[in-house]
Amino acid sequence: MEKQKNTGTDKPDRSPLVWGLIFGIIFGFLLQKGGVTKYDVIVGQLLLTDFTVLKVMLSAVVTGMLGIHIMKTLGWVTLHPKPGSAGMSIIGGLIFGVGFAVLGYCPGTIAGAVGNGYLDALIGGVVGILLGAGLFAALYAGLKNNILKKGDFGTITLPELFKVNDWIVVIPAAGLIIFILIWLEKSNL
């Protein structure tokens, strides 16, 4: 358990919650401005006719990847990857993929679409998230030691796997993502 900052009172430090709210609002605003809270845009991505979602996601990945590794290099953050496994990836991918394909929203875009006032996101999305989370929680005890542990790969990252400096992986990955973004834009996809 993380130790709370001592602010001279017995109250816990709520600043992480405030920062989470601020960044959540910014994230929702950017999703909305990027157009990815619209059902037609998301379905267009699934049908491979509109690549707006992919462009927004890749932009976020390259920005986040570079930002996190710059902060890590400067000593501002320490990364603590969660352990993973093939079982976790498959189950998580199936849950996410089925919900995404059936409703046309992912959890982030559901929040943005609810903020836009879309009732399908509110009724189908929020109810679906609650039902899905409840079902997973009910089944978790049976899954955690069986399916979720299959193909365990621990907390290893690609730089650790290849025994290289983080930037040896980050720079080529960022370059590849930027190349894909430029290609998508020039191809009018």
C-alpha atoms as a PDB file:
ATOM      1  CA  MET A   1       0.000   0.000   0.000  1.00  0.00           C
ATOM      2  CA  GLU A   2       1.312   3.440  -0.896  1.00  0.00           C
ATOM      3  CA  LYS A   3       2.044   5.858   1.910  1.00  0.00           C
ATOM      4  CA  GLN A   4      -0.034   9.039   1.775  1.00  0.00           C
ATOM      5  CA  LYS A   5       1.693  12.435   1.928  1.00  0.00           C
ATOM      6  CA  ASN A   6       1.662  13.953   5.377  1.00  0.00           C
ATOM      7  CA  THR A   7      -0.047  17.304   4.938  1.00  0.00           C
ATOM      8  CA  GLY A   8      -0.180  18.068   8.684  1.00  0.00           C
ATOM      9  CA  THR A   9      -3.733  16.781   8.995  1.00  0.00           C
ATOM     10  CA  ASP A  10      -5.280  13.350   9.240  1.00  0.00           C
ATOM     11  CA  LYS A  11      -6.920  13.777   5.843  1.00  0.00           C
ATOM     12  CA  PRO A  12      -5.577  11.646   2.987  1.00  0.00           C
ATOM     13  CA  ASP A  13      -3.960  13.401   0.027  1.00  0.00           C
ATOM     14  CA  ARG A  14      -6.672  13.849  -2.600  1.00  0.00           C
ATOM     15  CA  SER A  15      -4.449  15.550  -5.174  1.00  0.00           C
ATOM     16  CA  PRO A  16      -4.086  12.368  -7.314  1.00  0.00           C
ATOM     17  CA  LEU A  17      -7.891  12.278  -7.612  1.00  0.00           C
ATOM     18  CA  VAL A  18      -7.999  15.938  -8.601  1.00  0.00           C
ATOM     19  CA  TRP A  19      -5.264  15.408 -11.206  1.00  0.00           C
ATOM     20  CA  GLY A  20      -7.085  12.304 -12.458  1.00  0.00           C
ATOM     21  CA  LEU A  21     -10.289  14.322 -12.866  1.00  0.00           C
ATOM     22  CA  ILE A  22      -8.466  17.148 -14.672  1.00  0.00           C
ATOM     23  CA  PHE A  23      -6.677  14.775 -17.068  1.00  0.00           C
ATOM     24  CA  GLY A  24      -9.891  12.780 -17.559  1.00  0.00           C
ATOM     25  CA  ILE A  25     -11.727  15.918 -18.634  1.00  0.00           C
ATOM     26  CA  ILE A  26      -8.876  16.840 -20.995  1.00  0.00           C
ATOM     27  CA  PHE A  27      -8.864  13.277 -22.379  1.00  0.00           C
ATOM     28  CA  GLY A  28     -12.631  13.363 -22.981  1.00  0.00           C
ATOM     29  CA  PHE A  29     -12.388  16.773 -24.628  1.00  0.00           C
ATOM     30  CA  LEU A  30      -9.631  15.549 -26.958  1.00  0.00           C
ATOM     31  CA  LEU A  31     -11.581  12.380 -27.812  1.00  0.00           C
ATOM     32  CA  GLN A  32     -14.585  14.520 -28.684  1.00  0.00           C
ATOM     33  CA  LYS A  33     -12.507  16.992 -30.730  1.00  0.00           C
ATOM     34  CA  GLY A  34     -10.846  14.071 -32.536  1.00  0.00           C
ATOM     35  CA  GLY A  35     -14.274  12.792 -33.546  1.00  0.00           C
ATOM     36  CA  VAL A  36     -13.866   9.365 -31.957  1.00  0.00           C
ATOM     37  CA  THR A  37     -16.925   9.660 -29.712  1.00  0.00           C
ATOM     38  CA  LYS A  38     -19.176   9.388 -32.760  1.00  0.00           C
ATOM     39  CA  TYR A  39     -20.725   6.020 -33.488  1.00  0.00           C
ATOM     40  CA  ASP A  40     -20.294   6.391 -37.263  1.00  0.00           C
ATOM     41  CA  VAL A  41     -16.554   7.073 -36.916  1.00  0.00           C
ATOM     42  CA  ILE A  42     -16.028   4.015 -34.707  1.00  0.00           C
ATOM     43  CA  VAL A  43     -18.059   1.734 -36.948  1.00  0.00           C
ATOM     44  CA  GLY A  44     -16.135   3.149 -39.932  1.00  0.00           C
ATOM     45  CA  GLN A  45     -12.924   2.030 -38.214  1.00  0.00           C
ATOM     46  CA  LEU A  46     -14.330  -1.446 -37.656  1.00  0.00           C
ATOM     47  CA  LEU A  47     -15.339  -1.597 -41.334  1.00  0.00           C
ATOM     48  CA  LEU A  48     -11.903  -0.223 -42.376  1.00  0.00           C
ATOM     49  CA  THR A  49     -13.449   2.760 -44.155  1.00  0.00           C
ATOM     50  CA  ASP A  50     -12.521   5.521 -41.657  1.00  0.00           C
ATOM     51  CA  PHE A  51      -9.150   5.461 -39.882  1.00  0.00           C
ATOM     52  CA  THR A  52      -9.767   8.405 -37.540  1.00  0.00           C
ATOM     53  CA  VAL A  53      -9.749   6.127 -34.484  1.00  0.00           C
ATOM     54  CA  LEU A  54      -6.449   4.516 -35.495  1.00  0.00           C
ATOM     55  CA  LYS A  55      -4.870   7.923 -36.097  1.00  0.00           C
ATOM     56  CA  VAL A  56      -5.983   9.219 -32.690  1.00  0.00           C
ATOM     57  CA  MET A  57      -4.834   6.023 -30.942  1.00  0.00           C
ATOM     58  CA  LEU A  58      -1.428   5.963 -32.638  1.00  0.00           C
ATOM     59  CA  SER A  59      -0.929   9.667 -31.886  1.00  0.00           C
ATOM     60  CA  ALA A  60      -1.727   8.994 -28.218  1.00  0.00           C
ATOM     61  CA  VAL A  61       0.601   5.970 -28.114  1.00  0.00           C
ATOM     62  CA  VAL A  62       3.586   7.802 -29.591  1.00  0.00           C
ATOM     63  CA  THR A  63       2.998  10.872 -27.399  1.00  0.00           C
ATOM     64  CA  GLY A  64       2.573   8.786 -24.252  1.00  0.00           C
ATOM     65  CA  MET A  65       5.496   6.496 -25.043  1.00  0.00           C
ATOM     66  CA  LEU A  66       7.904   9.388 -25.636  1.00  0.00           C
ATOM     67  CA  GLY A  67       6.573  11.380 -22.673  1.00  0.00           C
ATOM     68  CA  ILE A  68       6.809   8.514 -20.198  1.00  0.00           C
ATOM     69  CA  HIS A  69      10.301   7.530 -21.294  1.00  0.00           C
ATOM     70  CA  ILE A  70      11.529  11.141 -21.186  1.00  0.00           C
ATOM     71  CA  MET A  71      10.163  11.445 -17.635  1.00  0.00           C
ATOM     72  CA  LYS A  72      11.745   8.079 -16.737  1.00  0.00           C
ATOM     73  CA  THR A  73      15.114   9.159 -18.153  1.00  0.00           C
ATOM     74  CA  LEU A  74      14.937  12.412 -16.137  1.00  0.00           C
ATOM     75  CA  GLY A  75      14.125  10.415 -12.987  1.00  0.00           C
ATOM     76  CA  TRP A  76      10.674  11.947 -12.575  1.00  0.00           C
ATOM     77  CA  VAL A  77       8.830   8.606 -12.692  1.00  0.00           C
ATOM     78  CA  THR A  78       9.513   4.963 -12.005  1.00  0.00           C
ATOM     79  CA  LEU A  79       7.647   2.420 -14.087  1.00  0.00           C
ATOM     80  CA  HIS A  80       5.990  -0.581 -12.450  1.00  0.00           C
ATOM     81  CA  PRO A  81       4.609  -2.806 -15.226  1.00  0.00           C
ATOM     82  CA  LYS A  82       1.828  -5.175 -14.240  1.00  0.00           C
ATOM     83  CA  PRO A  83       2.384  -8.872 -14.867  1.00  0.00           C
ATOM     84  CA  GLY A  84       0.781 -10.225 -17.998  1.00  0.00           C
ATOM     85  CA  SER A  85      -0.047 -13.490 -19.690  1.00  0.00           C
ATOM     86  CA  ALA A  86      -1.462 -14.793 -22.928  1.00  0.00           C
ATOM     87  CA  GLY A  87      -4.607 -15.815 -21.009  1.00  0.00           C
ATOM     88  CA  MET A  88      -5.136 -12.288 -19.684  1.00  0.00           C
ATOM     89  CA  SER A  89      -4.561 -10.801 -23.122  1.00  0.00           C
ATOM     90  CA  ILE A  90      -6.996 -13.189 -24.806  1.00  0.00           C
ATOM     91  CA  ILE A  91      -9.768 -12.786 -22.205  1.00  0.00           C
ATOM     92  CA  GLY A  92      -9.322  -8.995 -22.069  1.00  0.00           C
ATOM     93  CA  GLY A  93      -9.195  -8.754 -25.858  1.00  0.00           C
ATOM     94  CA  LEU A  94     -12.370 -10.819 -26.218  1.00  0.00           C
ATOM     95  CA  ILE A  95     -14.284  -8.786 -23.642  1.00  0.00           C
ATOM     96  CA  PHE A  96     -13.105  -5.496 -25.153  1.00  0.00           C
ATOM     97  CA  GLY A  97     -13.563  -6.639 -28.755  1.00  0.00           C
ATOM     98  CA  VAL A  98     -17.069  -8.044 -28.311  1.00  0.00           C
ATOM     99  CA  GLY A  99     -18.245  -4.925 -26.483  1.00  0.00           C
ATOM    100  CA  PHE A 100     -16.593  -2.681 -29.078  1.00  0.00           C
ATOM    101  CA  ALA A 101     -18.086  -4.572 -32.026  1.00  0.00           C
ATOM    102  CA  VAL A 102     -21.587  -4.904 -30.541  1.00  0.00           C
ATOM    103  CA  LEU A 103     -21.989  -1.342 -29.273  1.00  0.00           C
ATOM    104  CA  GLY A 104     -19.496   0.600 -31.385  1.00  0.00           C
ATOM    105  CA  TYR A 105     -17.778   2.210 -28.406  1.00  0.00           C
ATOM    106  CA  CYS A 106     -14.801   1.447 -26.180  1.00  0.00           C
ATOM    107  CA  PRO A 107     -14.786   2.484 -22.487  1.00  0.00           C
ATOM    108  CA  GLY A 108     -13.082   5.830 -23.178  1.00  0.00           C
ATOM    109  CA  THR A 109     -15.339   6.754 -26.060  1.00  0.00           C
ATOM    110  CA  ILE A 110     -18.415   5.684 -24.063  1.00  0.00           C
ATOM    111  CA  ALA A 111     -17.556   8.324 -21.460  1.00  0.00           C
ATOM    112  CA  GLY A 112     -17.046  10.929 -24.181  1.00  0.00           C
ATOM    113  CA  ALA A 113     -20.254   9.946 -25.967  1.00  0.00           C
ATOM    114  CA  VAL A 114     -22.229  10.109 -22.699  1.00  0.00           C
ATOM    115  CA  GLY A 115     -20.766  13.605 -22.245  1.00  0.00           C
ATOM    116  CA  ASN A 116     -22.077  14.438 -25.722  1.00  0.00           C
ATOM    117  CA  GLY A 117     -25.530  13.239 -24.651  1.00  0.00           C
ATOM    118  CA  TYR A 118     -25.705  10.056 -26.767  1.00  0.00           C
ATOM    119  CA  LEU A 119     -28.321   7.810 -25.154  1.00  0.00           C
ATOM    120  CA  ASP A 120     -27.024   4.631 -26.808  1.00  0.00           C
ATOM    121  CA  ALA A 121     -23.715   5.149 -25.007  1.00  0.00           C
ATOM    122  CA  LEU A 122     -25.441   5.900 -21.716  1.00  0.00           C
ATOM    123  CA  ILE A 123     -27.890   3.016 -21.764  1.00  0.00           C
ATOM    124  CA  GLY A 124     -25.979   0.392 -23.721  1.00  0.00           C
ATOM    125  CA  GLY A 125     -22.465   1.474 -22.799  1.00  0.00           C
ATOM    126  CA  VAL A 126     -22.629   2.295 -19.120  1.00  0.00           C
ATOM    127  CA  VAL A 127     -25.019  -0.587 -18.407  1.00  0.00           C
ATOM    128  CA  GLY A 128     -22.803  -2.890 -20.491  1.00  0.00           C
ATOM    129  CA  ILE A 129     -19.670  -1.837 -18.589  1.00  0.00           C
ATOM    130  CA  LEU A 130     -21.376  -2.414 -15.249  1.00  0.00           C
ATOM    131  CA  LEU A 131     -22.771  -5.814 -16.297  1.00  0.00           C
ATOM    132  CA  GLY A 132     -19.472  -6.877 -17.860  1.00  0.00           C
ATOM    133  CA  ALA A 133     -17.458  -5.783 -14.822  1.00  0.00           C
ATOM    134  CA  GLY A 134     -19.908  -7.565 -12.520  1.00  0.00           C
ATOM    135  CA  LEU A 135     -19.785 -10.763 -14.569  1.00  0.00           C
ATOM    136  CA  PHE A 136     -15.982 -10.693 -14.686  1.00  0.00           C
ATOM    137  CA  ALA A 137     -15.821 -10.076 -10.919  1.00  0.00           C
ATOM    138  CA  ALA A 138     -18.172 -13.014 -10.315  1.00  0.00           C
ATOM    139  CA  LEU A 139     -16.083 -15.327 -12.517  1.00  0.00           C
ATOM    140  CA  TYR A 140     -12.666 -13.992 -11.453  1.00  0.00           C
ATOM    141  CA  ALA A 141     -12.036 -16.514  -8.663  1.00  0.00           C
ATOM    142  CA  GLY A 142     -12.370 -19.380 -11.142  1.00  0.00           C
ATOM    143  CA  LEU A 143     -10.375 -17.649 -13.878  1.00  0.00           C
ATOM    144  CA  LYS A 144      -7.420 -16.239 -11.919  1.00  0.00           C
ATOM    145  CA  ASN A 145      -5.532 -19.480 -11.327  1.00  0.00           C
ATOM    146  CA  ASN A 146      -6.535 -21.210 -14.542  1.00  0.00           C
ATOM    147  CA  ILE A 147      -7.086 -19.273 -17.751  1.00  0.00           C
ATOM    148  CA  LEU A 148      -5.597 -15.942 -16.639  1.00  0.00           C
ATOM    149  CA  LYS A 149      -2.258 -17.540 -15.664  1.00  0.00           C
ATOM    150  CA  LYS A 150      -1.804 -19.408 -18.979  1.00  0.00           C
ATOM    151  CA  GLY A 151       1.245 -18.212 -20.897  1.00  0.00           C
ATOM    152  CA  ASP A 152       2.501 -16.049 -17.999  1.00  0.00           C
ATOM    153  CA  PHE A 153       5.188 -13.612 -19.179  1.00  0.00           C
ATOM    154  CA  GLY A 154       5.531 -11.637 -15.931  1.00  0.00           C
ATOM    155  CA  THR A 155       6.475  -7.969 -15.880  1.00  0.00           C
ATOM    156  CA  ILE A 156       9.175  -8.063 -18.549  1.00  0.00           C
ATOM    157  CA  THR A 157       9.297  -5.232 -21.074  1.00  0.00           C
ATOM    158  CA  LEU A 158      10.743  -5.391 -24.593  1.00  0.00           C
ATOM    159  CA  PRO A 159      13.951  -3.524 -23.617  1.00  0.00           C
ATOM    160  CA  GLU A 160      14.433  -5.974 -20.732  1.00  0.00           C
ATOM    161  CA  LEU A 161      13.734  -8.933 -22.997  1.00  0.00           C
ATOM    162  CA  PHE A 162      16.338  -7.760 -25.522  1.00  0.00           C
ATOM    163  CA  LYS A 163      18.675  -6.504 -22.741  1.00  0.00           C
ATOM    164  CA  VAL A 164      18.993  -3.036 -24.287  1.00  0.00           C
ATOM    165  CA  ASN A 165      18.474   0.558 -23.212  1.00  0.00           C
ATOM    166  CA  ASP A 166      14.791   1.617 -23.401  1.00  0.00           C
ATOM    167  CA  TRP A 167      15.545   4.160 -26.142  1.00  0.00           C
ATOM    168  CA  ILE A 168      16.838   1.391 -28.460  1.00  0.00           C
ATOM    169  CA  VAL A 169      13.225   0.156 -28.602  1.00  0.00           C
ATOM    170  CA  VAL A 170      11.359   3.451 -28.097  1.00  0.00           C
ATOM    171  CA  ILE A 171      12.962   5.452 -30.930  1.00  0.00           C
ATOM    172  CA  PRO A 172      12.377   2.859 -33.698  1.00  0.00           C
ATOM    173  CA  ALA A 173       8.852   2.174 -32.404  1.00  0.00           C
ATOM    174  CA  ALA A 174       8.063   5.911 -32.382  1.00  0.00           C
ATOM    175  CA  GLY A 175       9.560   6.266 -35.870  1.00  0.00           C
ATOM    176  CA  LEU A 176       7.437   3.388 -37.179  1.00  0.00           C
ATOM    177  CA  ILE A 177       4.269   4.854 -35.658  1.00  0.00           C
ATOM    178  CA  ILE A 178       5.015   8.295 -37.105  1.00  0.00           C
ATOM    179  CA  PHE A 179       5.676   6.709 -40.513  1.00  0.00           C
ATOM    180  CA  ILE A 180       2.304   4.900 -40.341  1.00  0.00           C
ATOM    181  CA  LEU A 181       0.547   8.144 -39.354  1.00  0.00           C
ATOM    182  CA  ILE A 182       2.116  10.025 -42.266  1.00  0.00           C
ATOM    183  CA  TRP A 183       1.239   7.200 -44.662  1.00  0.00           C
ATOM    184  CA  LEU A 184      -2.386   7.111 -43.445  1.00  0.00           C
ATOM    185  CA  GLU A 185      -2.665  10.864 -43.859  1.00  0.00           C
ATOM    186  CA  LYS A 186      -1.118  10.928 -47.357  1.00  0.00           C
ATOM    187  CA  SER A 187      -3.296   7.990 -48.409  1.00  0.00           C
ATOM    188  CA  ASN A 188      -6.402   9.884 -47.252  1.00  0.00           C
ATOM    189  CA  LEU A 189      -7.440   6.932 -45.110  1.00  0.00           C
END
